[in-house]
Structures are given as structure tokens and as C-alpha cells.
């Protein structure tokens, strides 16, 4: 029998990775495959000059500075570059999960609406469970600022494991 597929949406905020200890605690490595899913806005254009850093991906300390180019930069090249950065940034997480016995893959999605992109990935990859961290909002704040996790939990047609990590 095939393993369950667990989608773990991540971004560049430390909060998104706080789900990982709970994944290791509650989700067995021998029955579940983990998909680390990073969503960012797509690069907007092609042309000469500087790559579009407005895609939402922020360069991290130590990344090479972006310089203008003398050749065209295509959106697909920018996507490939972002994918490579994400894989590099997540390497410690991926290695740790693999050492714990998990089969881990990284998928980078490009879209303007992260909820729609996550829902699309759930359908296309036949995901069995979504696991993610969230900031819990209550009362009026929750009414006006519905988060991605809250909306996803309502729209997904599969179980969604939400963890609200304690403040440190």
C-alpha cells in the first residue's frame, strides 16, 4: 500500500517551520511521505536588467547580490533560481527529516493567491493531510483577518492539522 502524502506549507517566516516537531511526534515516517510546499508570487516579466525580486522571495544573508544583466532574463529562469534558493534554504530541514526516516520532497508553487495554490497542489498531488503552524486569532481579530490556515482548513476537503505554537 502506498504511503500517505502530507503537505507542509512553508514560507520564509520561522513560524511556518514550527509544525515540524509536531510532524515528527504525530506522523510516522514509515507510513507517510512529506512534501514541503513553498508558495510565492510568480516573477512578473522578462527583459534586460535586474531580475524581478518582487515575486515575494527575499534574498537571505549570504546570497550573491543581484546585478543587471546584458542578456534577457525570462520568468522561467527566475522561477528556477527561486526554486534553487528554496531548496538550499530548506536543506537543513530536509536533511533532518530524512535522518528521522521520512521520504521528503520540496515543491515550489508560483501563484498570486497562496490558498488557491495550496488547494491546487492538494488536488494535483492527491494529498492526504495538510500540516501547518498558525497564529491563533480570536474574536473580532479573527473575523477581520482570516489567515491562510483558517481559510485552508475550511476549504480543503482533507484533514488539516493546525498547530498554534506557544510564544517563546
N, C-alpha and C. Protein backbone atom coordinates (compact mmCIF):
# COMPACT_ATOMS: atom_id res chain seq x y z
N UNK A 1 0.83 -1.18 0.00
CA UNK A 1 0.00 0.00 0.00
C UNK A 1 0.88 1.25 0.00
N UNK A 2 0.48 2.26 -0.76
CA UNK A 2 1.26 3.49 -0.86
C UNK A 2 1.16 4.30 0.44
N UNK A 3 2.22 5.05 0.69
CA UNK A 3 2.23 5.91 1.87
C UNK A 3 1.27 7.08 1.71
N UNK A 4 0.82 7.62 2.84
CA UNK A 4 0.04 8.85 2.84
C UNK A 4 0.95 10.00 2.42
N UNK A 5 0.35 11.00 1.78
CA UNK A 5 1.10 12.19 1.39
C UNK A 5 0.69 13.33 2.31
N UNK A 6 1.68 13.91 2.98
CA UNK A 6 1.44 15.01 3.91
C UNK A 6 2.06 16.27 3.34
N UNK A 7 1.23 17.28 3.10
CA UNK A 7 1.69 18.55 2.57
C UNK A 7 1.97 19.50 3.73
N UNK A 8 3.17 20.09 3.74
CA UNK A 8 3.55 21.03 4.79
C UNK A 8 3.87 22.37 4.12
N UNK A 9 2.89 23.29 4.11
CA UNK A 9 3.15 24.61 3.52
C UNK A 9 4.16 25.39 4.37
N UNK A 10 5.17 25.93 3.72
CA UNK A 10 6.21 26.70 4.40
C UNK A 10 6.41 28.03 3.69
N UNK A 11 6.93 28.99 4.44
CA UNK A 11 7.37 30.25 3.86
C UNK A 11 8.64 30.66 4.58
N UNK A 12 9.07 31.89 4.40
CA UNK A 12 10.33 32.30 4.99
C UNK A 12 10.20 32.74 6.44
N UNK A 13 9.02 32.67 7.01
CA UNK A 13 8.84 33.01 8.41
C UNK A 13 9.17 31.80 9.29
N UNK A 14 9.81 32.06 10.39
CA UNK A 14 10.17 30.99 11.33
C UNK A 14 8.92 30.24 11.81
N UNK A 15 7.80 30.95 11.93
CA UNK A 15 6.56 30.34 12.39
C UNK A 15 6.17 29.13 11.56
N UNK A 16 6.35 29.19 10.25
CA UNK A 16 5.89 28.10 9.38
C UNK A 16 6.60 26.79 9.69
N UNK A 17 7.84 26.85 10.17
CA UNK A 17 8.59 25.62 10.45
C UNK A 17 8.32 25.06 11.85
N UNK A 18 7.55 25.76 12.64
CA UNK A 18 7.25 25.28 14.00
C UNK A 18 6.34 24.05 13.99
N UNK A 19 5.79 23.71 12.85
CA UNK A 19 4.97 22.50 12.73
C UNK A 19 5.85 21.25 12.73
N UNK A 20 7.11 21.37 12.34
CA UNK A 20 7.96 20.20 12.10
C UNK A 20 8.16 19.29 13.31
N UNK A 21 8.38 19.81 14.52
CA UNK A 21 8.48 18.89 15.66
C UNK A 21 7.19 18.10 15.90
N UNK A 22 6.05 18.71 15.61
CA UNK A 22 4.76 18.02 15.78
C UNK A 22 4.57 16.96 14.70
N UNK A 23 5.06 17.24 13.50
CA UNK A 23 5.01 16.24 12.43
C UNK A 23 5.79 15.01 12.86
N UNK A 24 6.99 15.22 13.39
CA UNK A 24 7.81 14.09 13.83
C UNK A 24 7.18 13.36 15.01
N UNK A 25 6.45 14.08 15.84
CA UNK A 25 5.83 13.47 17.02
C UNK A 25 4.57 12.67 16.66
N UNK A 26 3.75 13.18 15.75
CA UNK A 26 2.44 12.58 15.49
C UNK A 26 2.32 11.82 14.18
N UNK A 27 3.25 12.00 13.26
CA UNK A 27 3.13 11.40 11.93
C UNK A 27 4.31 10.46 11.71
N UNK A 28 4.03 9.18 11.57
CA UNK A 28 5.10 8.19 11.47
C UNK A 28 5.84 8.28 10.12
N UNK A 29 7.13 8.03 10.18
CA UNK A 29 7.97 8.11 9.00
C UNK A 29 7.73 6.95 8.04
N UNK A 30 7.36 5.79 8.57
CA UNK A 30 7.24 4.62 7.69
C UNK A 30 5.92 4.56 6.94
N UNK A 31 4.97 5.41 7.25
CA UNK A 31 3.67 5.37 6.57
C UNK A 31 3.33 6.66 5.83
N UNK A 32 4.20 7.67 5.91
CA UNK A 32 3.88 8.99 5.37
C UNK A 32 5.06 9.58 4.61
N UNK A 33 4.77 10.16 3.46
CA UNK A 33 5.74 10.92 2.69
C UNK A 33 5.45 12.40 2.90
N UNK A 34 6.49 13.19 3.12
CA UNK A 34 6.31 14.61 3.39
C UNK A 34 6.64 15.43 2.15
N UNK A 35 5.78 16.40 1.85
CA UNK A 35 6.02 17.33 0.76
C UNK A 35 6.10 18.72 1.38
N UNK A 36 7.29 19.30 1.36
CA UNK A 36 7.46 20.66 1.84
C UNK A 36 7.08 21.59 0.70
N UNK A 37 6.05 22.40 0.91
CA UNK A 37 5.48 23.20 -0.17
C UNK A 37 5.68 24.68 0.11
N UNK A 38 6.43 25.34 -0.76
CA UNK A 38 6.73 26.75 -0.63
C UNK A 38 6.00 27.49 -1.73
N UNK A 39 5.17 28.48 -1.37
CA UNK A 39 4.40 29.25 -2.36
C UNK A 39 4.90 30.68 -2.38
N UNK A 40 5.11 31.21 -3.57
CA UNK A 40 5.48 32.61 -3.75
C UNK A 40 4.80 33.14 -5.01
N UNK A 41 4.72 34.46 -5.10
CA UNK A 41 4.13 35.05 -6.31
C UNK A 41 5.05 34.78 -7.49
N UNK A 42 4.48 34.64 -8.68
CA UNK A 42 5.31 34.37 -9.85
C UNK A 42 6.10 35.61 -10.26
N UNK A 43 7.29 35.43 -10.84
CA UNK A 43 8.01 36.57 -11.41
C UNK A 43 7.14 37.21 -12.48
N UNK A 44 7.22 38.52 -12.60
CA UNK A 44 6.25 39.22 -13.43
C UNK A 44 6.63 39.41 -14.89
N UNK A 45 7.91 39.40 -15.23
CA UNK A 45 8.21 39.76 -16.61
C UNK A 45 9.53 39.21 -17.07
N UNK A 46 9.79 39.46 -18.36
CA UNK A 46 11.10 39.15 -18.92
C UNK A 46 11.71 40.46 -19.37
N UNK A 47 12.96 40.43 -19.64
CA UNK A 47 13.60 41.64 -20.14
C UNK A 47 15.05 41.69 -19.75
N UNK A 48 15.65 42.82 -20.00
CA UNK A 48 17.05 43.02 -19.64
C UNK A 48 17.09 43.71 -18.29
N UNK A 49 18.20 43.57 -17.63
CA UNK A 49 18.34 44.28 -16.37
C UNK A 49 18.22 43.36 -15.19
N UNK A 50 17.73 43.88 -14.08
CA UNK A 50 17.68 43.13 -12.83
C UNK A 50 16.53 42.15 -12.83
N UNK A 51 16.74 40.97 -12.24
CA UNK A 51 15.64 40.02 -12.07
C UNK A 51 14.54 40.63 -11.20
N UNK A 52 13.33 40.15 -11.39
CA UNK A 52 12.18 40.63 -10.62
C UNK A 52 12.23 40.03 -9.23
N UNK A 53 12.63 40.82 -8.24
CA UNK A 53 12.64 40.34 -6.87
C UNK A 53 11.32 40.65 -6.18
N UNK A 54 10.37 41.19 -6.93
CA UNK A 54 9.06 41.48 -6.38
C UNK A 54 8.18 40.26 -6.32
N UNK A 55 8.73 39.09 -6.61
CA UNK A 55 7.94 37.87 -6.58
C UNK A 55 7.56 37.47 -5.17
N UNK A 56 8.18 38.12 -4.19
CA UNK A 56 7.87 37.79 -2.81
C UNK A 56 8.97 36.99 -2.15
N UNK A 57 9.93 36.52 -2.92
CA UNK A 57 11.03 35.77 -2.33
C UNK A 57 12.11 36.76 -1.94
N UNK A 58 12.52 36.73 -0.70
CA UNK A 58 13.51 37.66 -0.18
C UNK A 58 14.86 36.96 -0.13
N UNK A 59 15.87 37.60 -0.69
CA UNK A 59 17.20 37.00 -0.62
C UNK A 59 17.66 36.98 0.82
N UNK A 60 18.36 35.94 1.18
CA UNK A 60 18.82 35.73 2.54
C UNK A 60 20.26 36.24 2.68
N UNK A 61 20.68 36.52 3.91
CA UNK A 61 22.07 36.94 4.11
C UNK A 61 23.02 35.89 3.52
N UNK A 62 24.03 36.37 2.82
CA UNK A 62 25.00 35.46 2.19
C UNK A 62 24.69 35.18 0.74
N UNK A 63 23.46 35.48 0.26
CA UNK A 63 23.15 35.30 -1.15
C UNK A 63 23.97 36.29 -1.97
N UNK A 64 24.29 35.91 -3.18
CA UNK A 64 25.03 36.80 -4.07
C UNK A 64 24.15 37.99 -4.43
N UNK A 65 24.72 39.20 -4.49
CA UNK A 65 23.91 40.37 -4.87
C UNK A 65 23.46 40.24 -6.33
N UNK A 66 22.28 40.76 -6.60
CA UNK A 66 21.74 40.70 -7.95
C UNK A 66 22.26 41.90 -8.72
N UNK A 67 22.81 41.62 -9.88
CA UNK A 67 23.34 42.69 -10.73
C UNK A 67 22.58 42.72 -12.05
N UNK A 68 22.51 43.89 -12.68
CA UNK A 68 21.88 43.93 -14.00
C UNK A 68 22.62 43.03 -14.98
N UNK A 69 21.88 42.50 -15.94
CA UNK A 69 22.49 41.60 -16.93
C UNK A 69 22.43 42.21 -18.31
N UNK A 70 23.23 41.69 -19.19
CA UNK A 70 23.24 42.15 -20.58
C UNK A 70 22.46 41.20 -21.48
N UNK A 71 21.84 40.22 -20.91
CA UNK A 71 21.05 39.26 -21.69
C UNK A 71 19.65 39.19 -21.09
N UNK A 72 18.69 38.68 -21.87
CA UNK A 72 17.31 38.61 -21.34
C UNK A 72 17.22 37.68 -20.14
N UNK A 73 16.39 38.05 -19.21
CA UNK A 73 16.08 37.20 -18.06
C UNK A 73 14.61 36.82 -18.20
N UNK A 74 14.35 35.53 -18.33
CA UNK A 74 13.00 35.04 -18.53
C UNK A 74 12.38 34.61 -17.21
N UNK A 75 11.07 34.65 -17.17
CA UNK A 75 10.35 34.28 -15.94
C UNK A 75 10.71 32.86 -15.51
N UNK A 76 10.87 31.94 -16.46
CA UNK A 76 11.21 30.56 -16.11
C UNK A 76 12.59 30.48 -15.47
N UNK A 77 13.52 31.33 -15.91
CA UNK A 77 14.85 31.36 -15.30
C UNK A 77 14.76 31.88 -13.87
N UNK A 78 13.92 32.89 -13.67
CA UNK A 78 13.74 33.42 -12.33
C UNK A 78 13.08 32.38 -11.43
N UNK A 79 12.11 31.64 -11.96
CA UNK A 79 11.48 30.57 -11.19
C UNK A 79 12.50 29.51 -10.81
N UNK A 80 13.34 29.11 -11.76
CA UNK A 80 14.39 28.11 -11.46
C UNK A 80 15.33 28.62 -10.37
N UNK A 81 15.67 29.89 -10.44
CA UNK A 81 16.56 30.47 -9.43
C UNK A 81 15.89 30.46 -8.06
N UNK A 82 14.63 30.82 -7.99
CA UNK A 82 13.90 30.82 -6.72
C UNK A 82 13.81 29.39 -6.18
N UNK A 83 13.51 28.42 -7.05
CA UNK A 83 13.45 27.02 -6.62
C UNK A 83 14.78 26.58 -6.02
N UNK A 84 15.87 26.94 -6.66
CA UNK A 84 17.20 26.56 -6.15
C UNK A 84 17.45 27.19 -4.79
N UNK A 85 17.06 28.46 -4.63
CA UNK A 85 17.23 29.13 -3.33
C UNK A 85 16.41 28.44 -2.25
N UNK A 86 15.16 28.11 -2.58
CA UNK A 86 14.29 27.45 -1.60
C UNK A 86 14.89 26.10 -1.19
N UNK A 87 15.33 25.32 -2.16
CA UNK A 87 15.92 24.02 -1.85
C UNK A 87 17.15 24.18 -0.95
N UNK A 88 17.96 25.20 -1.21
CA UNK A 88 19.14 25.44 -0.39
C UNK A 88 18.75 25.86 1.02
N UNK A 89 17.78 26.77 1.13
CA UNK A 89 17.34 27.25 2.44
C UNK A 89 16.73 26.12 3.27
N UNK A 90 16.03 25.19 2.62
CA UNK A 90 15.36 24.10 3.33
C UNK A 90 16.24 22.87 3.51
N UNK A 91 17.47 22.91 3.03
CA UNK A 91 18.34 21.74 3.13
C UNK A 91 18.51 21.23 4.56
N UNK A 92 18.74 22.10 5.57
CA UNK A 92 18.86 21.57 6.93
C UNK A 92 17.58 20.86 7.40
N UNK A 93 16.43 21.42 7.06
CA UNK A 93 15.15 20.82 7.43
C UNK A 93 14.98 19.47 6.73
N UNK A 94 15.25 19.47 5.43
CA UNK A 94 15.09 18.24 4.65
C UNK A 94 16.02 17.15 5.16
N UNK A 95 17.27 17.50 5.41
CA UNK A 95 18.24 16.51 5.90
C UNK A 95 17.82 15.96 7.26
N UNK A 96 17.34 16.81 8.13
CA UNK A 96 16.89 16.37 9.46
C UNK A 96 15.72 15.40 9.35
N UNK A 97 14.76 15.72 8.50
CA UNK A 97 13.60 14.83 8.32
C UNK A 97 14.01 13.50 7.67
N UNK A 98 14.93 13.55 6.73
CA UNK A 98 15.40 12.32 6.09
C UNK A 98 16.15 11.45 7.09
N UNK A 99 16.94 12.08 7.98
CA UNK A 99 17.64 11.32 9.01
C UNK A 99 16.64 10.65 9.97
N UNK A 100 15.47 11.27 10.14
CA UNK A 100 14.43 10.69 11.00
C UNK A 100 13.66 9.59 10.27
N UNK A 101 14.00 9.33 8.99
CA UNK A 101 13.38 8.24 8.26
C UNK A 101 12.28 8.63 7.28
N UNK A 102 12.00 9.91 7.13
CA UNK A 102 10.94 10.35 6.22
C UNK A 102 11.43 10.42 4.78
N UNK A 103 10.52 10.16 3.87
CA UNK A 103 10.77 10.45 2.47
C UNK A 103 10.27 11.89 2.28
N UNK A 104 11.16 12.79 1.85
CA UNK A 104 10.85 14.22 1.79
C UNK A 104 11.09 14.75 0.38
N UNK A 105 10.15 15.56 -0.09
CA UNK A 105 10.36 16.27 -1.35
C UNK A 105 9.99 17.73 -1.15
N UNK A 106 10.54 18.57 -2.00
CA UNK A 106 10.26 20.00 -1.96
C UNK A 106 9.57 20.39 -3.25
N UNK A 107 8.47 21.12 -3.12
CA UNK A 107 7.75 21.63 -4.28
C UNK A 107 7.60 23.14 -4.08
N UNK A 108 7.91 23.90 -5.13
CA UNK A 108 7.73 25.35 -5.09
C UNK A 108 6.59 25.69 -6.04
N UNK A 109 5.59 26.39 -5.50
CA UNK A 109 4.45 26.81 -6.30
C UNK A 109 4.50 28.30 -6.54
N UNK A 110 4.04 28.72 -7.71
CA UNK A 110 4.02 30.14 -8.06
C UNK A 110 2.59 30.55 -8.34
N UNK A 111 2.09 31.50 -7.57
CA UNK A 111 0.74 31.99 -7.78
C UNK A 111 0.48 33.21 -6.91
N UNK A 112 -0.52 33.98 -7.29
CA UNK A 112 -0.83 35.21 -6.55
C UNK A 112 -1.62 34.94 -5.28
N UNK A 113 -2.36 33.83 -5.25
CA UNK A 113 -3.17 33.51 -4.08
C UNK A 113 -2.66 32.21 -3.46
N UNK A 114 -1.98 32.30 -2.30
CA UNK A 114 -1.40 31.09 -1.70
C UNK A 114 -2.44 30.02 -1.38
N UNK A 115 -3.62 30.41 -0.98
CA UNK A 115 -4.66 29.43 -0.65
C UNK A 115 -5.03 28.63 -1.89
N UNK A 116 -5.25 29.33 -2.99
CA UNK A 116 -5.61 28.63 -4.24
C UNK A 116 -4.48 27.72 -4.71
N UNK A 117 -3.24 28.15 -4.55
CA UNK A 117 -2.09 27.32 -4.94
C UNK A 117 -1.99 26.07 -4.07
N UNK A 118 -2.21 26.22 -2.77
CA UNK A 118 -2.17 25.06 -1.88
C UNK A 118 -3.31 24.10 -2.22
N UNK A 119 -4.50 24.62 -2.45
CA UNK A 119 -5.64 23.77 -2.82
C UNK A 119 -5.37 23.05 -4.15
N UNK A 120 -4.74 23.73 -5.09
CA UNK A 120 -4.39 23.11 -6.38
C UNK A 120 -3.39 21.97 -6.16
N UNK A 121 -2.41 22.20 -5.28
CA UNK A 121 -1.41 21.16 -5.00
C UNK A 121 -2.05 19.97 -4.30
N UNK A 122 -2.98 20.23 -3.41
CA UNK A 122 -3.70 19.14 -2.72
C UNK A 122 -4.37 18.23 -3.74
N UNK A 123 -5.02 18.84 -4.72
CA UNK A 123 -5.73 18.06 -5.73
C UNK A 123 -4.77 17.35 -6.68
N UNK A 124 -3.79 18.11 -7.22
CA UNK A 124 -2.93 17.52 -8.24
C UNK A 124 -2.00 16.44 -7.68
N UNK A 125 -1.58 16.56 -6.43
CA UNK A 125 -0.67 15.56 -5.85
C UNK A 125 -1.40 14.53 -5.00
N UNK A 126 -2.72 14.62 -4.94
CA UNK A 126 -3.55 13.69 -4.16
C UNK A 126 -3.05 13.61 -2.71
N UNK A 127 -3.01 14.78 -2.07
CA UNK A 127 -2.54 14.91 -0.70
C UNK A 127 -3.58 14.33 0.26
N UNK A 128 -3.11 13.66 1.31
CA UNK A 128 -3.99 13.06 2.31
C UNK A 128 -4.16 13.92 3.56
N UNK A 129 -3.17 14.76 3.85
CA UNK A 129 -3.20 15.59 5.07
C UNK A 129 -2.36 16.83 4.84
N UNK A 130 -2.84 17.96 5.37
CA UNK A 130 -2.05 19.19 5.38
C UNK A 130 -1.68 19.45 6.84
N UNK A 131 -0.42 19.78 7.10
CA UNK A 131 0.04 20.09 8.45
C UNK A 131 0.75 21.44 8.41
N UNK A 132 0.28 22.37 9.26
CA UNK A 132 0.90 23.69 9.26
C UNK A 132 0.74 24.40 10.58
N UNK A 133 1.60 25.39 10.82
CA UNK A 133 1.53 26.23 12.01
C UNK A 133 0.68 27.46 11.69
N UNK A 134 0.13 28.04 12.74
CA UNK A 134 -0.68 29.23 12.55
C UNK A 134 -0.61 30.11 13.79
N UNK A 135 -0.88 31.36 13.59
CA UNK A 135 -1.08 32.27 14.73
C UNK A 135 -2.57 32.22 15.00
N UNK A 136 -2.92 31.85 16.18
CA UNK A 136 -4.35 31.77 16.50
C UNK A 136 -4.90 33.17 16.70
N UNK A 137 -6.00 33.44 16.04
CA UNK A 137 -6.69 34.71 16.22
C UNK A 137 -8.07 34.39 16.74
N UNK A 138 -8.55 35.23 17.62
CA UNK A 138 -9.87 35.01 18.19
C UNK A 138 -10.69 36.29 18.10
N UNK A 139 -11.99 36.13 18.23
CA UNK A 139 -12.89 37.27 18.30
C UNK A 139 -12.89 38.11 17.04
N UNK A 140 -12.94 39.43 17.24
CA UNK A 140 -13.04 40.37 16.13
C UNK A 140 -11.81 40.29 15.23
N UNK A 141 -10.64 40.09 15.81
CA UNK A 141 -9.42 39.99 15.01
C UNK A 141 -9.53 38.85 14.00
N UNK A 142 -10.05 37.71 14.44
CA UNK A 142 -10.22 36.57 13.55
C UNK A 142 -11.21 36.89 12.44
N UNK A 143 -12.28 37.62 12.79
CA UNK A 143 -13.31 37.96 11.80
C UNK A 143 -12.71 38.81 10.67
N UNK A 144 -11.88 39.79 11.02
CA UNK A 144 -11.34 40.70 10.01
C UNK A 144 -10.06 40.19 9.34
N UNK A 145 -9.29 39.36 10.02
CA UNK A 145 -8.01 38.91 9.48
C UNK A 145 -7.95 37.39 9.42
N UNK A 146 -8.78 36.81 8.62
CA UNK A 146 -8.77 35.36 8.47
C UNK A 146 -7.45 34.96 7.82
N UNK A 147 -6.74 34.09 8.49
CA UNK A 147 -5.44 33.68 8.00
C UNK A 147 -5.54 32.59 6.95
N UNK A 148 -4.40 32.31 6.34
CA UNK A 148 -4.32 31.25 5.33
C UNK A 148 -4.72 29.92 5.95
N UNK A 149 -4.21 29.62 7.12
CA UNK A 149 -4.50 28.33 7.76
C UNK A 149 -5.99 28.18 8.04
N UNK A 150 -6.62 29.22 8.55
CA UNK A 150 -8.04 29.18 8.86
C UNK A 150 -8.88 28.95 7.60
N UNK A 151 -8.59 29.70 6.56
CA UNK A 151 -9.32 29.56 5.30
C UNK A 151 -9.06 28.20 4.68
N UNK A 152 -7.82 27.76 4.72
CA UNK A 152 -7.48 26.45 4.16
C UNK A 152 -8.22 25.33 4.89
N UNK A 153 -8.28 25.42 6.21
CA UNK A 153 -8.98 24.40 7.00
C UNK A 153 -10.45 24.32 6.61
N UNK A 154 -11.03 25.43 6.20
CA UNK A 154 -12.43 25.43 5.80
C UNK A 154 -12.63 24.93 4.37
N UNK A 155 -11.69 25.25 3.48
CA UNK A 155 -11.87 24.93 2.06
C UNK A 155 -11.33 23.56 1.64
N UNK A 156 -10.32 23.08 2.33
CA UNK A 156 -9.72 21.79 1.95
C UNK A 156 -10.71 20.67 2.24
N UNK A 157 -10.71 19.69 1.40
CA UNK A 157 -11.61 18.55 1.59
C UNK A 157 -10.88 17.36 2.18
N UNK A 158 -9.79 17.66 2.84
CA UNK A 158 -8.99 16.64 3.53
C UNK A 158 -8.69 17.15 4.93
N UNK A 159 -8.20 16.29 5.83
CA UNK A 159 -7.85 16.77 7.16
C UNK A 159 -6.71 17.79 7.12
N UNK A 160 -6.80 18.78 8.01
CA UNK A 160 -5.78 19.80 8.14
C UNK A 160 -5.37 19.84 9.61
N UNK A 161 -4.09 19.57 9.89
CA UNK A 161 -3.54 19.62 11.22
C UNK A 161 -2.95 21.01 11.42
N UNK A 162 -3.55 21.79 12.35
CA UNK A 162 -3.07 23.14 12.63
C UNK A 162 -2.48 23.16 14.02
N UNK A 163 -1.30 23.72 14.12
CA UNK A 163 -0.63 23.85 15.41
C UNK A 163 -0.43 25.34 15.68
N UNK A 164 -0.81 25.77 16.87
CA UNK A 164 -0.54 27.13 17.31
C UNK A 164 0.57 27.03 18.35
N UNK A 165 1.82 27.25 17.93
CA UNK A 165 2.93 27.08 18.87
C UNK A 165 2.86 28.12 19.98
N UNK A 166 3.27 27.71 21.15
CA UNK A 166 3.30 28.63 22.29
C UNK A 166 4.34 29.71 22.05
N UNK A 167 4.05 30.90 22.55
CA UNK A 167 5.01 32.01 22.43
C UNK A 167 6.25 31.67 23.25
N UNK A 168 7.40 32.04 22.72
CA UNK A 168 8.66 31.74 23.42
C UNK A 168 9.11 32.91 24.22
